[in-house]
Each structure stands twice: as C-alpha cells, then as structure tokens.
Amino acid sequence: MKHNTKNYDYLIVGTGPYGSIFAYEAAKRGKRVLMIDKRDHIGGNMYTRKEQGINVHEYGAHIFHTDNKEVWDYINQFTEFNNYINQVVADYKGERYNLPFNMNTFYQMWGTKTPEEAAAKIAEQREAAGVIAHPKNLEEQAISLIGTDIYEKLIKGYTEKQWGRSATELPSFIIKRLPVRYLYDNNYFNHRYQGVPVNGYTSIFEKMLASDLIDVQLGVNFFADKEAYLAEFPRIIYTGMIDSFFDYIHGELEWRSLHFEHEIHDSNNVQGNAVINYTDAETPYTRVMEWRHFDQNSDEGKSVITKEYPQNWDKTKEAYYPVNDHKNSEIFKLYRKEADKIADKVKFGGRLGNYQYYDMDMVFHAALVDVAKEFKNFDAS
C-alpha cells in the first residue's frame, strides 16, 4: 500500500466543512480516516488566521446564519459565537445606503418615511418601466421587484462586476428572492441564529479533526496519484470539482472566482462598518471588509481590511460561484450520471462536488444528511 498504510476506512479529499463533518462523524463511529487537501491549511474557504490580533477571513466574509436549530446546535459543540449582526452599507459613487433594501434605504434614496410612500414610489417606477409579468433576465426581474433607481444604483453595477457579464444576460433566478422589507431594519440576514466564532472558524475544524482516528495530510494533490487512491481505499468522500474528477470528459463547468487584497492600517477604525459594498461599475472591487468589526478583537491602533475583486475563473484560481445557467446545468447532469455509476466507491459532496452555491449552514445540513445515510445501518445496530 502506497497511501492506505493504516488500513483506513475512508479517504476524504478536502478539509472544508463537508469533509470535516464527515471525518468527525466517521471517527465517532470508530472508523479510521485519512484526509488530504491541496492547500496548506484545513477549513476550506472558511479558514481564518490571526493578523494583528484579528481573526481575518482569508477567503471573504463568512457570517454564520441559519434558522436550522439542529445545525446551530451542532456547530456550537465546537465553538462559542459572538452576537455579530451583519448590517451592510452600500456605497454608490460616494452616496451611502443601508442594505438589504428596507425603509432606511428608501428614505436615503427618496426621502420616503412610511411603508405606503415607499411602496408607491416603487410601484410608480415599475409602471414607468413597463410592468414585466414574466421577467426574462436579471435586469427585468430586479426592476419588477424594486424599481429603476435602486436597480441602477445598488444592483446593476455590483452584479455585473460579480458575474462578469451584463445583467440582461444573467438569469432572473439569481435575485428571485431579493429581500424587500418595509421596516427600518438593517439586519442583512433575517435568521434566528447568527454570529461569528469568537476564536475564528479554523478552531472549529481543529476540534473536529482532533481524533486519533483522523490523519490529515496538507499540500497533497489527489490527482497526482488518483488511480492509486482509488485502488487502495474502500470508500472515498470527494469534495473537489466534479468535472475535474472525471478529467473534463463532458467539458469544463464555469465558475466565477475572487481575488483578495489584505491591508494593515494604523487605525482603530478605518471605515466604520464591517462590510461596505461598492455598487458602481467603476470601482474594481465589490466590497471591503474590516475584520475588527466582526469580533471587536484587535491590537491597539491596528486594523485589517480586505478588498474583494471578482474575476474570471481558470484552473489556476479558486472556484467560488457556479454559473448555473442552462448550458452548465446540462453539463453538470452528465457528470452527475458519471458519479452515480461509481456511487458505491465515491461520494461527491460540498459545493464543488455538487456544482452548487451553499451558505455555510446548508453545507452543514447536507453533510449531516449524508452522514446519516452513510451510517444508517451502523447506527441502527
């Protein structure tokens, strides 16, 4: 045996939330697990590191929010959460607005003070644009929901930067559930449970993977010795890109990627808010995070900010957002059929394995559902 040197029951490819939950639950049941990850750290995109006493989210802002009590109780085994509430500010060419769209936004935009006034203003703009019964693209969907002013200032530029294409070329479903609140309420996530881990996200994964039955190897590329891994391990949990696993036999699935620039400032407060979105087309980044406002921890006189730049994806970059249009959805169906053929050997999970954007709580829930299926007979015995 080249890799399965300890009679491992599982090989788990990827140490992000899906893979780590699976490893933790397998070890609880006495299973021996080898985990490998091509990165030099655990935790996937939830990885956090300390900088100037601050928990910096290396791959963009991660705020845990959910209405799922089972998931909330589960993650609280591994960490203590603070009471952070996400309240985003939007900057359009120097004008500042509250997000998500609520009575504060409407007052800042139009001076309307009551829900009736705001609703009338939106209806007036929808009528002027022509009421669209069946929106065919994102632009039509947005205007039909929120009118032209908010679309032009707070949606169009940001969205086109994010996806790298015109809003008229994007599917309407991207913002089908656009939150519009006729309340003075800046809470971005209207969920019962919300917060950020006091000790950062990485501490969660360190606790999950602390078992003597779990071995972790970092900086290891599964594809450098794929056939040996497949031959040696009785069961593989794969959380990488599904098209890559099958050598792109049906073509490449499209993604959008991100680039982050971190800056250290000699200040206790650079921008006055945890997250500011830049919604005009000219500013190259989409948002700026100031991490000390997420957990109030920082060395005195120091702050770290991160600028987030959307970019086209290629194989040298991290994949963040699947482009779930018709073309890519059809390609993914072909890969899903390939995965079904080897389901007894390989389980595909996580956002990369399922070509789906997940909020963190959705990944936790999906992992717990799959764990229950995997160990159904074991748990019943």
Protein backbone atom coordinates (compact mmCIF):
# COMPACT_ATOMS: atom_id res chain seq x y z
CA MET A 1 0.00 0.00 0.00
CA LYS A 2 1.33 3.41 -1.01
CA HIS A 3 -1.24 5.65 0.72
CA ASN A 4 -3.55 3.42 2.76
CA THR A 5 -0.81 2.47 5.20
CA LYS A 6 -3.03 2.22 8.29
CA ASN A 7 -5.96 0.26 6.92
CA TYR A 8 -8.06 3.41 6.62
CA ASP A 9 -11.80 3.02 6.14
CA TYR A 10 -12.14 6.37 4.35
CA LEU A 11 -10.15 8.75 2.21
CA ILE A 12 -11.64 12.24 2.39
CA VAL A 13 -10.47 14.69 -0.25
CA GLY A 14 -10.81 18.23 1.12
CA THR A 15 -10.78 19.52 4.71
CA GLY A 16 -13.61 22.05 4.31
CA PRO A 17 -16.87 21.82 6.26
CA TYR A 18 -18.41 18.89 4.37
CA GLY A 19 -15.29 16.74 4.53
CA SER A 20 -14.50 17.67 8.15
CA ILE A 21 -18.01 16.87 9.38
CA PHE A 22 -17.84 13.54 7.60
CA ALA A 23 -14.45 12.78 9.14
CA TYR A 24 -15.61 13.74 12.63
CA GLU A 25 -18.74 11.60 12.42
CA ALA A 26 -16.87 8.64 10.93
CA ALA A 27 -14.28 8.76 13.73
CA LYS A 28 -17.08 8.89 16.32
CA ARG A 29 -18.17 5.54 14.93
CA GLY A 30 -14.70 4.06 15.18
CA LYS A 31 -13.76 4.50 11.53
CA ARG A 32 -10.19 5.38 10.58
CA VAL A 33 -9.90 8.32 8.19
CA LEU A 34 -7.17 9.82 6.02
CA MET A 35 -7.85 13.40 4.90
CA ILE A 36 -5.87 15.14 2.17
CA ASP A 37 -6.05 18.73 0.96
CA LYS A 38 -4.11 20.53 -1.76
CA ARG A 39 -3.98 23.69 0.37
CA ASP A 40 -1.59 24.20 3.29
CA HIS A 41 -4.39 24.63 5.82
CA ILE A 42 -7.63 23.00 6.96
CA GLY A 43 -11.11 24.53 6.81
CA GLY A 44 -11.53 25.21 3.10
CA ASN A 45 -12.90 28.66 2.35
CA MET A 46 -13.96 29.03 5.99
CA TYR A 47 -10.31 29.24 7.04
CA THR A 48 -9.41 32.15 9.32
CA ARG A 49 -6.00 33.31 10.51
CA LYS A 50 -4.75 35.76 13.14
CA GLU A 51 -3.35 39.10 11.97
CA GLN A 52 -2.71 41.96 14.41
CA GLY A 53 -4.84 40.11 16.96
CA ILE A 54 -7.74 39.98 14.50
CA ASN A 55 -9.49 36.95 13.01
CA VAL A 56 -9.05 37.54 9.28
CA HIS A 57 -11.31 35.54 6.94
CA GLU A 58 -8.84 34.57 4.23
CA TYR A 59 -11.48 33.85 1.57
CA GLY A 60 -14.04 36.58 2.14
CA ALA A 61 -16.59 37.34 4.84
CA HIS A 62 -18.22 34.31 6.48
CA ILE A 63 -21.11 35.08 8.80
CA PHE A 64 -22.88 32.00 10.10
CA HIS A 65 -26.65 32.43 9.88
CA THR A 66 -29.43 29.87 9.95
CA ASP A 67 -32.95 29.03 11.07
CA ASN A 68 -31.98 25.37 11.38
CA LYS A 69 -31.70 24.64 15.11
CA GLU A 70 -30.15 21.20 14.51
CA VAL A 71 -27.31 22.80 12.53
CA TRP A 72 -26.91 25.63 15.06
CA ASP A 73 -26.71 23.22 17.98
CA TYR A 74 -24.26 21.03 16.07
CA ILE A 75 -21.75 23.78 15.26
CA ASN A 76 -21.99 25.16 18.80
CA GLN A 77 -20.34 21.94 20.03
CA PHE A 78 -17.10 23.26 18.59
CA THR A 79 -17.15 26.99 19.21
CA GLU A 80 -18.67 29.93 21.01
CA PHE A 81 -20.34 32.53 18.79
CA ASN A 82 -20.45 36.25 19.39
CA ASN A 83 -23.58 38.33 18.77
CA TYR A 84 -22.45 39.87 15.47
CA ILE A 85 -25.33 41.07 13.28
CA ASN A 86 -24.47 41.76 9.65
CA GLN A 87 -25.50 45.30 8.68
CA VAL A 88 -24.10 46.14 5.26
CA VAL A 89 -23.57 49.63 3.86
CA ALA A 90 -23.64 50.26 0.10
CA ASP A 91 -21.53 52.97 -1.50
CA TYR A 92 -22.61 54.29 -4.89
CA LYS A 93 -20.18 56.97 -6.09
CA GLY A 94 -19.88 58.34 -2.56
CA GLU A 95 -23.57 58.07 -1.68
CA ARG A 96 -24.24 55.70 1.24
CA TYR A 97 -27.25 53.41 1.63
CA ASN A 98 -28.26 50.66 4.05
CA LEU A 99 -28.69 47.08 2.87
CA PRO A 100 -30.71 44.96 2.50
CA PHE A 101 -33.42 47.11 0.90
CA ASN A 102 -35.52 48.42 3.75
CA MET A 103 -37.15 51.62 4.96
CA ASN A 104 -33.75 53.16 5.73
CA THR A 105 -32.69 52.54 2.12
CA PHE A 106 -35.89 54.03 0.76
CA TYR A 107 -35.57 57.11 2.95
CA GLN A 108 -31.95 57.61 1.86
CA MET A 109 -32.92 57.16 -1.79
CA TRP A 110 -36.20 59.13 -1.97
CA GLY A 111 -36.95 60.69 1.42
CA THR A 112 -39.99 58.43 1.88
CA LYS A 113 -40.92 57.92 5.54
CA THR A 114 -43.75 55.40 5.56
CA PRO A 115 -44.13 51.94 4.02
CA GLU A 116 -47.04 53.28 1.96
CA GLU A 117 -44.90 56.07 0.47
CA ALA A 118 -42.05 53.68 -0.32
CA ALA A 119 -44.33 51.09 -1.91
CA ALA A 120 -45.97 53.80 -4.02
CA LYS A 121 -42.58 55.03 -5.24
CA ILE A 122 -41.51 51.53 -6.25
CA ALA A 123 -44.86 50.90 -7.98
CA GLU A 124 -44.54 54.21 -9.85
CA GLN A 125 -41.11 53.22 -11.17
CA ARG A 126 -42.27 49.76 -12.13
CA GLU A 127 -45.14 51.26 -14.09
CA ALA A 128 -42.85 53.74 -15.84
CA ALA A 129 -40.51 50.92 -16.85
CA GLY A 130 -43.40 48.75 -18.01
CA VAL A 131 -44.66 46.06 -15.66
CA ILE A 132 -42.95 42.79 -16.55
CA ALA A 133 -45.16 39.79 -15.84
CA HIS A 134 -42.54 37.18 -16.76
CA PRO A 135 -39.02 38.62 -16.38
CA LYS A 136 -36.59 37.04 -18.83
CA ASN A 137 -33.35 38.22 -17.23
CA LEU A 138 -31.91 39.69 -14.05
CA GLU A 139 -32.47 43.30 -15.08
CA GLU A 140 -36.17 42.76 -15.74
CA GLN A 141 -36.52 40.77 -12.53
CA ALA A 142 -34.86 43.46 -10.42
CA ILE A 143 -36.88 46.34 -11.87
CA SER A 144 -40.11 44.37 -11.45
CA LEU A 145 -39.26 43.91 -7.76
CA ILE A 146 -37.66 47.18 -6.69
CA GLY A 147 -37.95 49.82 -9.43
CA THR A 148 -35.32 51.58 -11.52
CA ASP A 149 -33.49 53.85 -9.01
CA ILE A 150 -32.40 51.08 -6.67
CA TYR A 151 -31.65 48.79 -9.60
CA GLU A 152 -29.41 51.35 -11.31
CA LYS A 153 -27.57 52.44 -8.17
CA LEU A 154 -27.41 49.38 -5.93
CA ILE A 155 -27.84 46.29 -8.13
CA LYS A 156 -26.68 46.74 -11.72
CA GLY A 157 -23.01 47.69 -11.29
CA TYR A 158 -22.37 45.35 -8.36
CA THR A 159 -24.00 42.37 -10.06
CA GLU A 160 -22.28 42.90 -13.39
CA LYS A 161 -18.90 43.11 -11.64
CA GLN A 162 -19.72 39.98 -9.65
CA TRP A 163 -20.68 37.87 -12.67
CA GLY A 164 -18.59 39.49 -15.40
CA ARG A 165 -21.49 39.93 -17.79
CA SER A 166 -24.41 42.24 -18.50
CA ALA A 167 -27.46 41.99 -16.24
CA THR A 168 -29.56 41.40 -19.36
CA GLU A 169 -27.51 38.22 -19.97
CA LEU A 170 -27.95 36.87 -16.45
CA PRO A 171 -30.86 34.60 -15.47
CA SER A 172 -33.65 36.14 -13.42
CA PHE A 173 -33.49 33.48 -10.69
CA ILE A 174 -30.23 34.92 -9.29
CA ILE A 175 -32.26 37.58 -7.44
CA LYS A 176 -35.67 35.94 -7.40
CA ARG A 177 -35.78 36.16 -3.61
CA LEU A 178 -34.44 39.70 -3.38
CA PRO A 179 -35.31 40.86 0.16
CA VAL A 180 -37.50 43.97 0.23
CA ARG A 181 -38.52 45.00 3.75
CA TYR A 182 -40.94 47.77 4.58
CA LEU A 183 -39.35 48.05 8.02
CA TYR A 184 -36.49 50.12 9.42
CA ASP A 185 -34.35 47.00 9.78
CA ASN A 186 -30.72 46.76 8.60
CA ASN A 187 -30.20 43.14 9.68
CA TYR A 188 -28.91 41.58 6.46
CA PHE A 189 -29.78 38.01 7.41
CA ASN A 190 -33.26 37.68 8.80
CA HIS A 191 -32.43 34.42 10.59
CA ARG A 192 -32.99 33.29 14.15
CA TYR A 193 -29.33 32.33 14.73
CA GLN A 194 -26.42 34.47 13.59
CA GLY A 195 -22.86 35.21 14.60
CA VAL A 196 -19.13 34.75 14.08
CA PRO A 197 -16.96 32.30 16.09
CA VAL A 198 -15.14 34.07 18.90
CA ASN A 199 -11.92 32.17 18.14
CA GLY A 200 -12.31 32.14 14.36
CA TYR A 201 -13.53 29.35 12.09
CA THR A 202 -10.27 27.43 11.95
CA SER A 203 -10.66 26.46 15.62
CA ILE A 204 -13.87 24.60 14.69
CA PHE A 205 -12.04 22.36 12.26
CA GLU A 206 -9.12 21.81 14.61
CA LYS A 207 -11.55 20.40 17.15
CA MET A 208 -13.41 18.31 14.55
CA LEU A 209 -10.21 16.71 13.31
CA ALA A 210 -8.50 16.18 16.69
CA SER A 211 -9.34 12.46 16.89
CA ASP A 212 -6.52 9.89 16.88
CA LEU A 213 -8.52 8.10 14.17
CA ILE A 214 -8.13 11.03 11.75
CA ASP A 215 -4.88 11.74 9.93
CA VAL A 216 -4.54 14.93 7.87
CA GLN A 217 -2.06 15.50 5.06
CA LEU A 218 -1.85 19.04 3.65
CA GLY A 219 -0.33 20.21 0.40
CA VAL A 220 -1.34 16.93 -1.26
CA ASN A 221 -2.87 16.81 -4.74
CA PHE A 222 -5.34 13.94 -5.13
CA PHE A 223 -4.84 13.97 -8.90
CA ALA A 224 -1.11 13.43 -8.63
CA ASP A 225 -1.87 9.80 -7.74
CA LYS A 226 -5.59 9.44 -8.37
CA GLU A 227 -5.54 5.82 -9.57
CA ALA A 228 -3.59 4.62 -6.53
CA TYR A 229 -6.03 6.35 -4.17
CA LEU A 230 -8.97 4.78 -5.97
CA ALA A 231 -7.37 1.35 -5.86
CA GLU A 232 -6.34 1.43 -2.20
CA PHE A 233 -9.29 2.97 -0.35
CA PRO A 234 -12.61 1.16 0.09
CA ARG A 235 -14.57 4.42 0.29
CA ILE A 236 -13.74 7.96 -0.87
CA ILE A 237 -15.50 11.18 0.07
CA TYR A 238 -14.59 13.69 -2.63
CA THR A 239 -15.30 17.40 -2.15
CA GLY A 240 -13.36 18.77 -5.11
CA MET A 241 -14.63 19.81 -8.52
CA ILE A 242 -16.73 17.09 -10.09
CA ASP A 243 -15.66 17.82 -13.69
CA SER A 244 -12.01 17.64 -12.67
CA PHE A 245 -12.55 14.20 -11.10
CA PHE A 246 -13.79 12.90 -14.44
CA ASP A 247 -10.99 14.56 -16.42
CA TYR A 248 -13.41 17.05 -18.02
CA ILE A 249 -14.84 14.40 -20.33
CA HIS A 250 -18.04 16.43 -20.78
CA GLY A 251 -16.29 19.82 -20.78
CA GLU A 252 -15.46 22.37 -18.09
CA LEU A 253 -18.11 23.71 -15.77
CA GLU A 254 -17.91 27.51 -15.50
CA TRP A 255 -17.20 29.36 -12.25
CA ARG A 256 -16.55 32.88 -11.08
CA SER A 257 -13.52 33.47 -8.93
CA LEU A 258 -12.37 36.10 -6.44
CA HIS A 259 -9.11 37.86 -5.65
CA PHE A 260 -8.45 39.36 -2.20
CA GLU A 261 -6.12 42.15 -1.21
CA HIS A 262 -5.40 42.50 2.54
CA GLU A 263 -4.19 45.77 4.04
CA ILE A 264 -2.97 46.59 7.56
CA HIS A 265 -3.79 50.11 8.76
CA ASP A 266 -2.55 52.13 11.71
CA SER A 267 -6.07 52.82 12.93
CA ASN A 268 -8.68 51.53 15.32
CA ASN A 269 -11.44 52.15 12.77
CA VAL A 270 -10.86 52.58 9.04
CA GLN A 271 -14.35 52.50 7.51
CA GLY A 272 -16.80 52.43 10.42
CA ASN A 273 -18.55 49.21 9.36
CA ALA A 274 -17.72 45.53 8.92
CA VAL A 275 -18.80 45.39 5.27
CA ILE A 276 -19.20 48.12 2.66
CA ASN A 277 -20.38 47.14 -0.83
CA TYR A 278 -19.22 49.29 -3.76
CA THR A 279 -22.09 49.17 -6.21
CA ASP A 280 -20.90 51.42 -9.04
CA ALA A 281 -19.35 49.87 -12.15
CA GLU A 282 -16.15 51.92 -11.99
CA THR A 283 -14.81 50.71 -8.61
CA PRO A 284 -12.99 47.45 -9.45
CA TYR A 285 -13.78 45.68 -6.17
CA THR A 286 -17.24 44.74 -4.96
CA ARG A 287 -16.80 45.08 -1.21
CA VAL A 288 -14.40 45.94 1.59
CA MET A 289 -14.36 44.09 4.91
CA GLU A 290 -12.88 45.49 8.12
CA TRP A 291 -12.34 42.45 10.28
CA ARG A 292 -12.08 44.05 13.73
CA HIS A 293 -15.77 44.99 13.44
CA PHE A 294 -16.71 41.30 13.15
CA ASP A 295 -15.43 40.35 16.61
CA GLN A 296 -14.03 43.53 18.23
CA ASN A 297 -10.62 41.89 18.72
CA SER A 298 -7.56 43.80 17.59
CA ASP A 299 -4.18 45.03 18.63
CA GLU A 300 -4.47 48.64 19.77
CA GLY A 301 -4.13 51.05 16.89
CA LYS A 302 -4.25 48.36 14.19
CA SER A 303 -6.94 47.30 11.74
CA VAL A 304 -7.01 44.92 8.79
CA ILE A 305 -9.21 45.46 5.75
CA THR A 306 -9.73 43.20 2.75
CA LYS A 307 -10.83 44.28 -0.72
CA GLU A 308 -12.70 41.67 -2.74
CA TYR A 309 -12.26 41.65 -6.53
CA PRO A 310 -14.37 39.38 -8.76
CA GLN A 311 -12.52 37.75 -11.63
CA ASN A 312 -12.87 35.15 -14.34
CA TRP A 313 -12.05 31.63 -13.25
CA ASP A 314 -9.45 29.33 -14.75
CA LYS A 315 -7.71 26.22 -13.42
CA THR A 316 -5.07 28.32 -11.64
CA LYS A 317 -7.70 30.09 -9.48
CA GLU A 318 -10.10 29.09 -6.73
CA ALA A 319 -13.68 28.41 -7.83
CA TYR A 320 -16.28 30.34 -5.82
CA TYR A 321 -19.58 30.79 -7.64
CA PRO A 322 -21.04 28.26 -10.09
CA VAL A 323 -22.53 29.76 -13.24
CA ASN A 324 -25.81 27.88 -13.03
CA ASP A 325 -27.16 28.78 -16.45
CA HIS A 326 -28.84 26.27 -18.78
CA LYS A 327 -25.61 25.26 -20.54
CA ASN A 328 -23.72 24.49 -17.32
CA SER A 329 -26.71 22.81 -15.72
CA GLU A 330 -26.88 20.39 -18.65
CA ILE A 331 -23.16 19.66 -18.39
CA PHE A 332 -23.48 19.03 -14.66
CA LYS A 333 -26.28 16.50 -15.28
CA LEU A 334 -23.84 14.49 -17.40
CA TYR A 335 -21.28 14.49 -14.59
CA ARG A 336 -23.96 13.57 -12.09
CA LYS A 337 -24.70 10.46 -14.17
CA GLU A 338 -21.00 9.58 -14.12
CA ALA A 339 -20.97 9.98 -10.34
CA ASP A 340 -23.99 7.70 -9.97
CA LYS A 341 -22.08 4.91 -11.74
CA ILE A 342 -19.42 4.86 -9.02
CA ALA A 343 -21.62 5.79 -6.04
CA ASP A 344 -20.63 2.64 -4.14
CA LYS A 345 -17.00 3.75 -4.24
CA VAL A 346 -17.03 7.57 -4.30
CA LYS A 347 -19.36 10.03 -2.60
CA PHE A 348 -19.37 13.56 -4.06
CA GLY A 349 -20.16 16.37 -1.62
CA GLY A 350 -19.87 20.08 -0.94
CA ARG A 351 -20.31 22.99 -3.31
CA LEU A 352 -17.55 21.90 -5.72
CA GLY A 353 -18.72 18.30 -5.84
CA ASN A 354 -22.35 19.32 -6.37
CA TYR A 355 -21.73 22.42 -8.53
CA GLN A 356 -23.96 24.45 -6.25
CA TYR A 357 -23.56 27.58 -4.17
CA TYR A 358 -24.14 26.82 -0.50
CA ASP A 359 -24.43 29.03 2.53
CA MET A 360 -22.46 27.53 5.40
CA ASP A 361 -25.48 26.18 7.22
CA MET A 362 -26.59 24.44 4.01
CA VAL A 363 -23.21 22.65 3.77
CA PHE A 364 -23.50 21.54 7.40
CA HIS A 365 -27.04 20.30 6.83
CA ALA A 366 -26.12 18.45 3.63
CA ALA A 367 -23.16 16.78 5.34
CA LEU A 368 -25.28 15.67 8.29
CA VAL A 369 -27.94 14.24 5.97
CA ASP A 370 -25.31 12.32 4.01
CA VAL A 371 -23.64 11.09 7.20
CA ALA A 372 -26.99 9.74 8.40
CA LYS A 373 -27.43 7.86 5.12
CA GLU A 374 -23.85 6.57 5.13
CA PHE A 375 -24.02 5.14 8.65
CA LYS A 376 -27.70 4.20 8.76
CA ASN A 377 -27.11 0.51 9.26
CA PHE A 378 -24.15 1.14 11.58
CA ASP A 379 -26.18 3.43 13.85
CA ALA A 380 -29.14 1.06 13.91
CA SER A 381 -27.03 -1.89 15.09
